[in-house]
N, C-alpha and C. Protein backbone atom coordinates (compact mmCIF):
# COMPACT_ATOMS: atom_id res chain seq x y z
N MET A 1 -39.32 -38.81 48.34
CA MET A 1 -40.13 -39.55 47.41
C MET A 1 -41.62 -39.42 47.75
N LEU A 2 -41.99 -39.72 49.00
CA LEU A 2 -43.40 -39.72 49.35
C LEU A 2 -44.00 -38.33 49.49
N ASP A 3 -43.16 -37.33 49.74
CA ASP A 3 -43.66 -35.94 49.81
C ASP A 3 -44.00 -35.39 48.44
N SER A 4 -43.42 -35.95 47.39
CA SER A 4 -43.57 -35.37 46.06
C SER A 4 -44.79 -35.86 45.30
N HIS A 5 -45.56 -36.80 45.85
CA HIS A 5 -46.75 -37.30 45.16
C HIS A 5 -47.82 -36.22 45.09
N SER A 6 -48.48 -36.14 43.94
CA SER A 6 -49.60 -35.21 43.85
C SER A 6 -50.72 -35.69 44.76
N HIS A 7 -51.45 -34.80 45.34
CA HIS A 7 -52.55 -35.10 46.26
C HIS A 7 -52.08 -35.77 47.56
N ALA A 8 -50.79 -35.61 47.92
CA ALA A 8 -50.28 -36.20 49.16
C ALA A 8 -50.98 -35.57 50.36
N VAL A 9 -51.29 -36.39 51.34
CA VAL A 9 -52.05 -35.94 52.50
C VAL A 9 -51.15 -35.60 53.69
N HIS A 10 -50.06 -36.33 53.87
CA HIS A 10 -49.21 -36.19 55.04
C HIS A 10 -47.82 -35.70 54.66
N GLN A 11 -47.13 -35.13 55.64
CA GLN A 11 -45.71 -34.85 55.48
C GLN A 11 -44.99 -36.15 55.83
N ALA A 12 -44.16 -36.65 54.94
CA ALA A 12 -43.45 -37.91 55.18
C ALA A 12 -42.48 -37.73 56.34
N GLU A 13 -42.37 -38.75 57.19
CA GLU A 13 -41.52 -38.70 58.36
C GLU A 13 -40.31 -39.63 58.20
N ALA A 14 -39.20 -39.25 58.80
CA ALA A 14 -37.98 -40.06 58.73
C ALA A 14 -38.01 -41.22 59.71
N ALA A 15 -38.68 -41.07 60.84
CA ALA A 15 -38.78 -42.13 61.84
C ALA A 15 -40.21 -42.66 61.89
N HIS A 16 -40.35 -43.94 62.17
CA HIS A 16 -41.68 -44.55 62.19
C HIS A 16 -41.90 -45.29 63.51
N ARG A 17 -43.14 -45.28 63.97
CA ARG A 17 -43.55 -46.03 65.15
C ARG A 17 -44.69 -46.95 64.76
N CYS A 18 -44.62 -48.19 65.15
CA CYS A 18 -45.63 -49.17 64.75
C CYS A 18 -47.01 -48.75 65.24
N GLN A 19 -48.00 -48.90 64.38
CA GLN A 19 -49.37 -48.53 64.69
C GLN A 19 -50.14 -49.65 65.37
N TYR A 20 -49.57 -50.84 65.42
CA TYR A 20 -50.25 -51.97 66.04
C TYR A 20 -50.02 -51.99 67.55
N GLY A 21 -50.81 -52.78 68.25
CA GLY A 21 -50.64 -52.95 69.68
C GLY A 21 -49.32 -53.62 70.02
N ALA A 22 -48.92 -53.51 71.25
CA ALA A 22 -47.60 -54.00 71.69
C ALA A 22 -47.40 -55.49 71.49
N ASP A 23 -48.44 -56.28 71.57
CA ASP A 23 -48.27 -57.73 71.52
C ASP A 23 -48.65 -58.35 70.19
N HIS A 24 -48.59 -57.59 69.11
CA HIS A 24 -48.99 -58.14 67.81
C HIS A 24 -47.95 -59.10 67.27
N SER A 25 -48.37 -59.95 66.34
CA SER A 25 -47.44 -60.85 65.66
C SER A 25 -47.17 -60.30 64.27
N GLY A 26 -46.09 -60.74 63.67
CA GLY A 26 -45.77 -60.30 62.32
C GLY A 26 -45.01 -58.98 62.29
N GLN A 27 -44.96 -58.40 61.10
CA GLN A 27 -44.19 -57.17 60.89
C GLN A 27 -44.80 -55.96 61.58
N HIS A 28 -43.93 -54.98 61.86
CA HIS A 28 -44.40 -53.67 62.31
C HIS A 28 -44.89 -52.90 61.09
N VAL A 29 -45.86 -51.99 61.28
CA VAL A 29 -46.45 -51.24 60.17
C VAL A 29 -46.72 -49.80 60.61
N ALA A 30 -46.45 -48.86 59.71
CA ALA A 30 -46.79 -47.46 59.96
C ALA A 30 -47.23 -46.83 58.64
N LEU A 31 -48.26 -46.01 58.69
CA LEU A 31 -48.71 -45.30 57.49
C LEU A 31 -47.64 -44.28 57.10
N ALA A 32 -47.11 -44.40 55.89
CA ALA A 32 -46.04 -43.52 55.44
C ALA A 32 -46.59 -42.33 54.64
N GLN A 33 -47.61 -42.57 53.82
CA GLN A 33 -48.19 -41.51 52.99
C GLN A 33 -49.50 -42.01 52.42
N SER A 34 -50.40 -41.11 52.16
CA SER A 34 -51.62 -41.45 51.43
C SER A 34 -51.95 -40.32 50.47
N GLN A 35 -52.68 -40.66 49.46
CA GLN A 35 -53.14 -39.69 48.46
C GLN A 35 -54.65 -39.79 48.39
N ASP A 36 -55.31 -38.65 48.43
CA ASP A 36 -56.75 -38.59 48.23
C ASP A 36 -57.00 -37.93 46.89
N TYR A 37 -57.76 -38.60 46.05
CA TYR A 37 -58.03 -38.11 44.71
C TYR A 37 -59.42 -37.51 44.63
N PRO A 38 -59.64 -36.62 43.68
CA PRO A 38 -60.96 -35.98 43.54
C PRO A 38 -62.12 -36.95 43.34
N ALA A 39 -61.89 -38.12 42.80
CA ALA A 39 -62.96 -39.08 42.53
C ALA A 39 -63.27 -39.95 43.76
N ALA A 40 -62.93 -39.47 44.96
CA ALA A 40 -63.18 -40.18 46.22
C ALA A 40 -62.46 -41.53 46.29
N THR A 41 -61.30 -41.62 45.67
CA THR A 41 -60.46 -42.80 45.78
C THR A 41 -59.15 -42.38 46.45
N SER A 42 -58.40 -43.35 46.92
CA SER A 42 -57.14 -43.03 47.59
C SER A 42 -56.14 -44.15 47.42
N THR A 43 -54.88 -43.85 47.70
CA THR A 43 -53.80 -44.82 47.72
C THR A 43 -53.06 -44.63 49.03
N ALA A 44 -52.69 -45.73 49.69
CA ALA A 44 -51.96 -45.65 50.95
C ALA A 44 -50.65 -46.41 50.84
N TRP A 45 -49.55 -45.73 51.20
CA TRP A 45 -48.23 -46.35 51.26
C TRP A 45 -47.94 -46.64 52.72
N TRP A 46 -47.54 -47.87 52.98
CA TRP A 46 -47.23 -48.30 54.34
C TRP A 46 -45.76 -48.67 54.43
N THR A 47 -45.14 -48.30 55.53
CA THR A 47 -43.78 -48.73 55.84
C THR A 47 -43.88 -49.97 56.70
N ARG A 48 -43.16 -51.01 56.33
CA ARG A 48 -43.16 -52.25 57.10
C ARG A 48 -41.71 -52.62 57.44
N TRP A 49 -41.55 -53.23 58.60
CA TRP A 49 -40.23 -53.72 58.99
C TRP A 49 -40.40 -54.94 59.88
N PRO A 50 -39.42 -55.86 59.85
CA PRO A 50 -39.55 -57.13 60.56
C PRO A 50 -39.36 -56.98 62.07
N VAL A 51 -39.83 -58.00 62.78
CA VAL A 51 -39.61 -58.12 64.22
C VAL A 51 -38.73 -59.34 64.43
N PRO A 52 -37.57 -59.29 65.01
CA PRO A 52 -36.88 -58.06 65.40
C PRO A 52 -36.39 -57.30 64.17
N HIS A 53 -36.06 -56.02 64.38
CA HIS A 53 -35.68 -55.14 63.28
C HIS A 53 -34.25 -55.46 62.83
N THR A 54 -34.13 -56.50 62.02
CA THR A 54 -32.82 -56.96 61.55
C THR A 54 -32.59 -56.62 60.08
N GLN A 55 -33.61 -56.12 59.41
CA GLN A 55 -33.52 -55.75 58.00
C GLN A 55 -34.06 -54.34 57.85
N GLY A 56 -33.93 -53.78 56.64
CA GLY A 56 -34.39 -52.44 56.39
C GLY A 56 -35.90 -52.33 56.28
N TYR A 57 -36.35 -51.11 56.07
CA TYR A 57 -37.77 -50.82 55.89
C TYR A 57 -38.21 -51.18 54.47
N GLU A 58 -39.48 -51.49 54.33
CA GLU A 58 -40.09 -51.73 53.03
C GLU A 58 -41.26 -50.77 52.91
N ILE A 59 -41.39 -50.12 51.76
CA ILE A 59 -42.54 -49.24 51.50
C ILE A 59 -43.40 -49.93 50.47
N LYS A 60 -44.67 -50.10 50.80
CA LYS A 60 -45.56 -50.89 49.95
C LYS A 60 -46.95 -50.28 49.95
N VAL A 61 -47.61 -50.31 48.79
CA VAL A 61 -49.01 -49.90 48.71
C VAL A 61 -49.85 -51.07 49.20
N ILE A 62 -50.67 -50.82 50.23
CA ILE A 62 -51.56 -51.83 50.78
C ILE A 62 -52.94 -51.17 50.93
N GLU A 63 -53.96 -51.90 50.60
CA GLU A 63 -55.33 -51.39 50.75
C GLU A 63 -55.61 -51.08 52.22
N GLU A 64 -56.35 -50.01 52.47
CA GLU A 64 -56.70 -49.64 53.83
C GLU A 64 -57.84 -50.50 54.37
N CYS A 65 -57.87 -50.68 55.67
CA CYS A 65 -58.95 -51.41 56.32
C CYS A 65 -60.26 -50.65 56.06
N PRO A 66 -61.31 -51.35 55.65
CA PRO A 66 -62.56 -50.67 55.34
C PRO A 66 -63.41 -50.35 56.56
N ALA A 67 -62.95 -50.69 57.77
CA ALA A 67 -63.74 -50.43 58.98
C ALA A 67 -64.01 -48.94 59.12
N SER A 68 -65.20 -48.63 59.58
CA SER A 68 -65.62 -47.24 59.74
C SER A 68 -66.21 -47.05 61.13
N GLY A 69 -65.85 -45.96 61.76
CA GLY A 69 -66.39 -45.64 63.07
C GLY A 69 -67.23 -44.38 63.01
N VAL A 70 -68.11 -44.31 62.04
CA VAL A 70 -68.92 -43.11 61.81
C VAL A 70 -69.56 -42.61 63.09
N ASP A 71 -70.05 -43.51 63.93
CA ASP A 71 -70.72 -43.09 65.16
C ASP A 71 -69.76 -42.67 66.26
N SER A 72 -68.49 -43.01 66.13
CA SER A 72 -67.52 -42.78 67.20
C SER A 72 -66.48 -41.72 66.91
N ASN A 73 -66.33 -41.32 65.67
CA ASN A 73 -65.19 -40.49 65.29
C ASN A 73 -65.63 -39.50 64.21
N ASP A 74 -65.22 -38.27 64.33
CA ASP A 74 -65.62 -37.25 63.36
C ASP A 74 -65.26 -37.62 61.93
N ASP A 75 -64.05 -38.16 61.71
CA ASP A 75 -63.67 -38.48 60.34
C ASP A 75 -63.88 -39.96 60.01
N ALA A 76 -64.24 -40.75 60.99
CA ALA A 76 -64.62 -42.16 60.81
C ALA A 76 -63.50 -43.02 60.23
N LEU A 77 -62.26 -42.63 60.37
CA LEU A 77 -61.16 -43.38 59.78
C LEU A 77 -60.51 -44.32 60.79
N PHE A 78 -60.19 -45.50 60.35
CA PHE A 78 -59.40 -46.44 61.12
C PHE A 78 -58.16 -46.72 60.29
N LEU A 79 -57.08 -46.07 60.59
CA LEU A 79 -55.90 -46.07 59.72
C LEU A 79 -54.98 -47.26 59.98
N HIS A 80 -55.40 -48.41 59.51
CA HIS A 80 -54.59 -49.63 59.51
C HIS A 80 -54.77 -50.27 58.14
N PRO A 81 -53.79 -51.06 57.71
CA PRO A 81 -53.97 -51.77 56.44
C PRO A 81 -54.99 -52.90 56.58
N ILE A 82 -55.55 -53.30 55.48
CA ILE A 82 -56.50 -54.41 55.48
C ILE A 82 -55.80 -55.66 56.01
N HIS A 83 -56.53 -56.53 56.66
CA HIS A 83 -56.03 -57.77 57.25
C HIS A 83 -55.03 -57.54 58.39
N HIS A 84 -55.16 -56.42 59.10
CA HIS A 84 -54.29 -56.12 60.23
C HIS A 84 -54.62 -57.04 61.41
N PRO A 85 -53.66 -57.24 62.32
CA PRO A 85 -53.97 -58.03 63.51
C PRO A 85 -54.81 -57.20 64.49
N GLY A 86 -55.54 -57.87 65.35
CA GLY A 86 -56.31 -57.17 66.39
C GLY A 86 -57.63 -56.64 65.91
N GLY A 87 -58.34 -55.99 66.83
CA GLY A 87 -59.66 -55.46 66.54
C GLY A 87 -59.61 -54.02 66.05
N HIS A 88 -60.75 -53.35 66.17
CA HIS A 88 -60.89 -51.95 65.75
C HIS A 88 -61.18 -51.08 66.97
N TRP A 89 -60.58 -49.91 67.02
CA TRP A 89 -60.83 -48.94 68.09
C TRP A 89 -60.69 -47.55 67.53
N TRP A 90 -61.38 -46.61 68.15
CA TRP A 90 -61.31 -45.21 67.71
C TRP A 90 -61.07 -44.33 68.90
């Protein structure tokens, strides 16, 4: 499903690893797919699952965190969803 989107950026993966730090609260989250459009807009699909992992995965479109590390990172991206736990690092 996620590989077939036009303008897809990533190869969709069957296994996911949480992108948050080890001691976070709430659900686990991993970027599943994103699309970059010619008009400098994008869509990000995130895979979420509960802690403990007692239910299945959920795929949901969530806005990306607007934090930018222009001075610290060549592409300046911080790939977490908006309202993520913890701070920002590059």
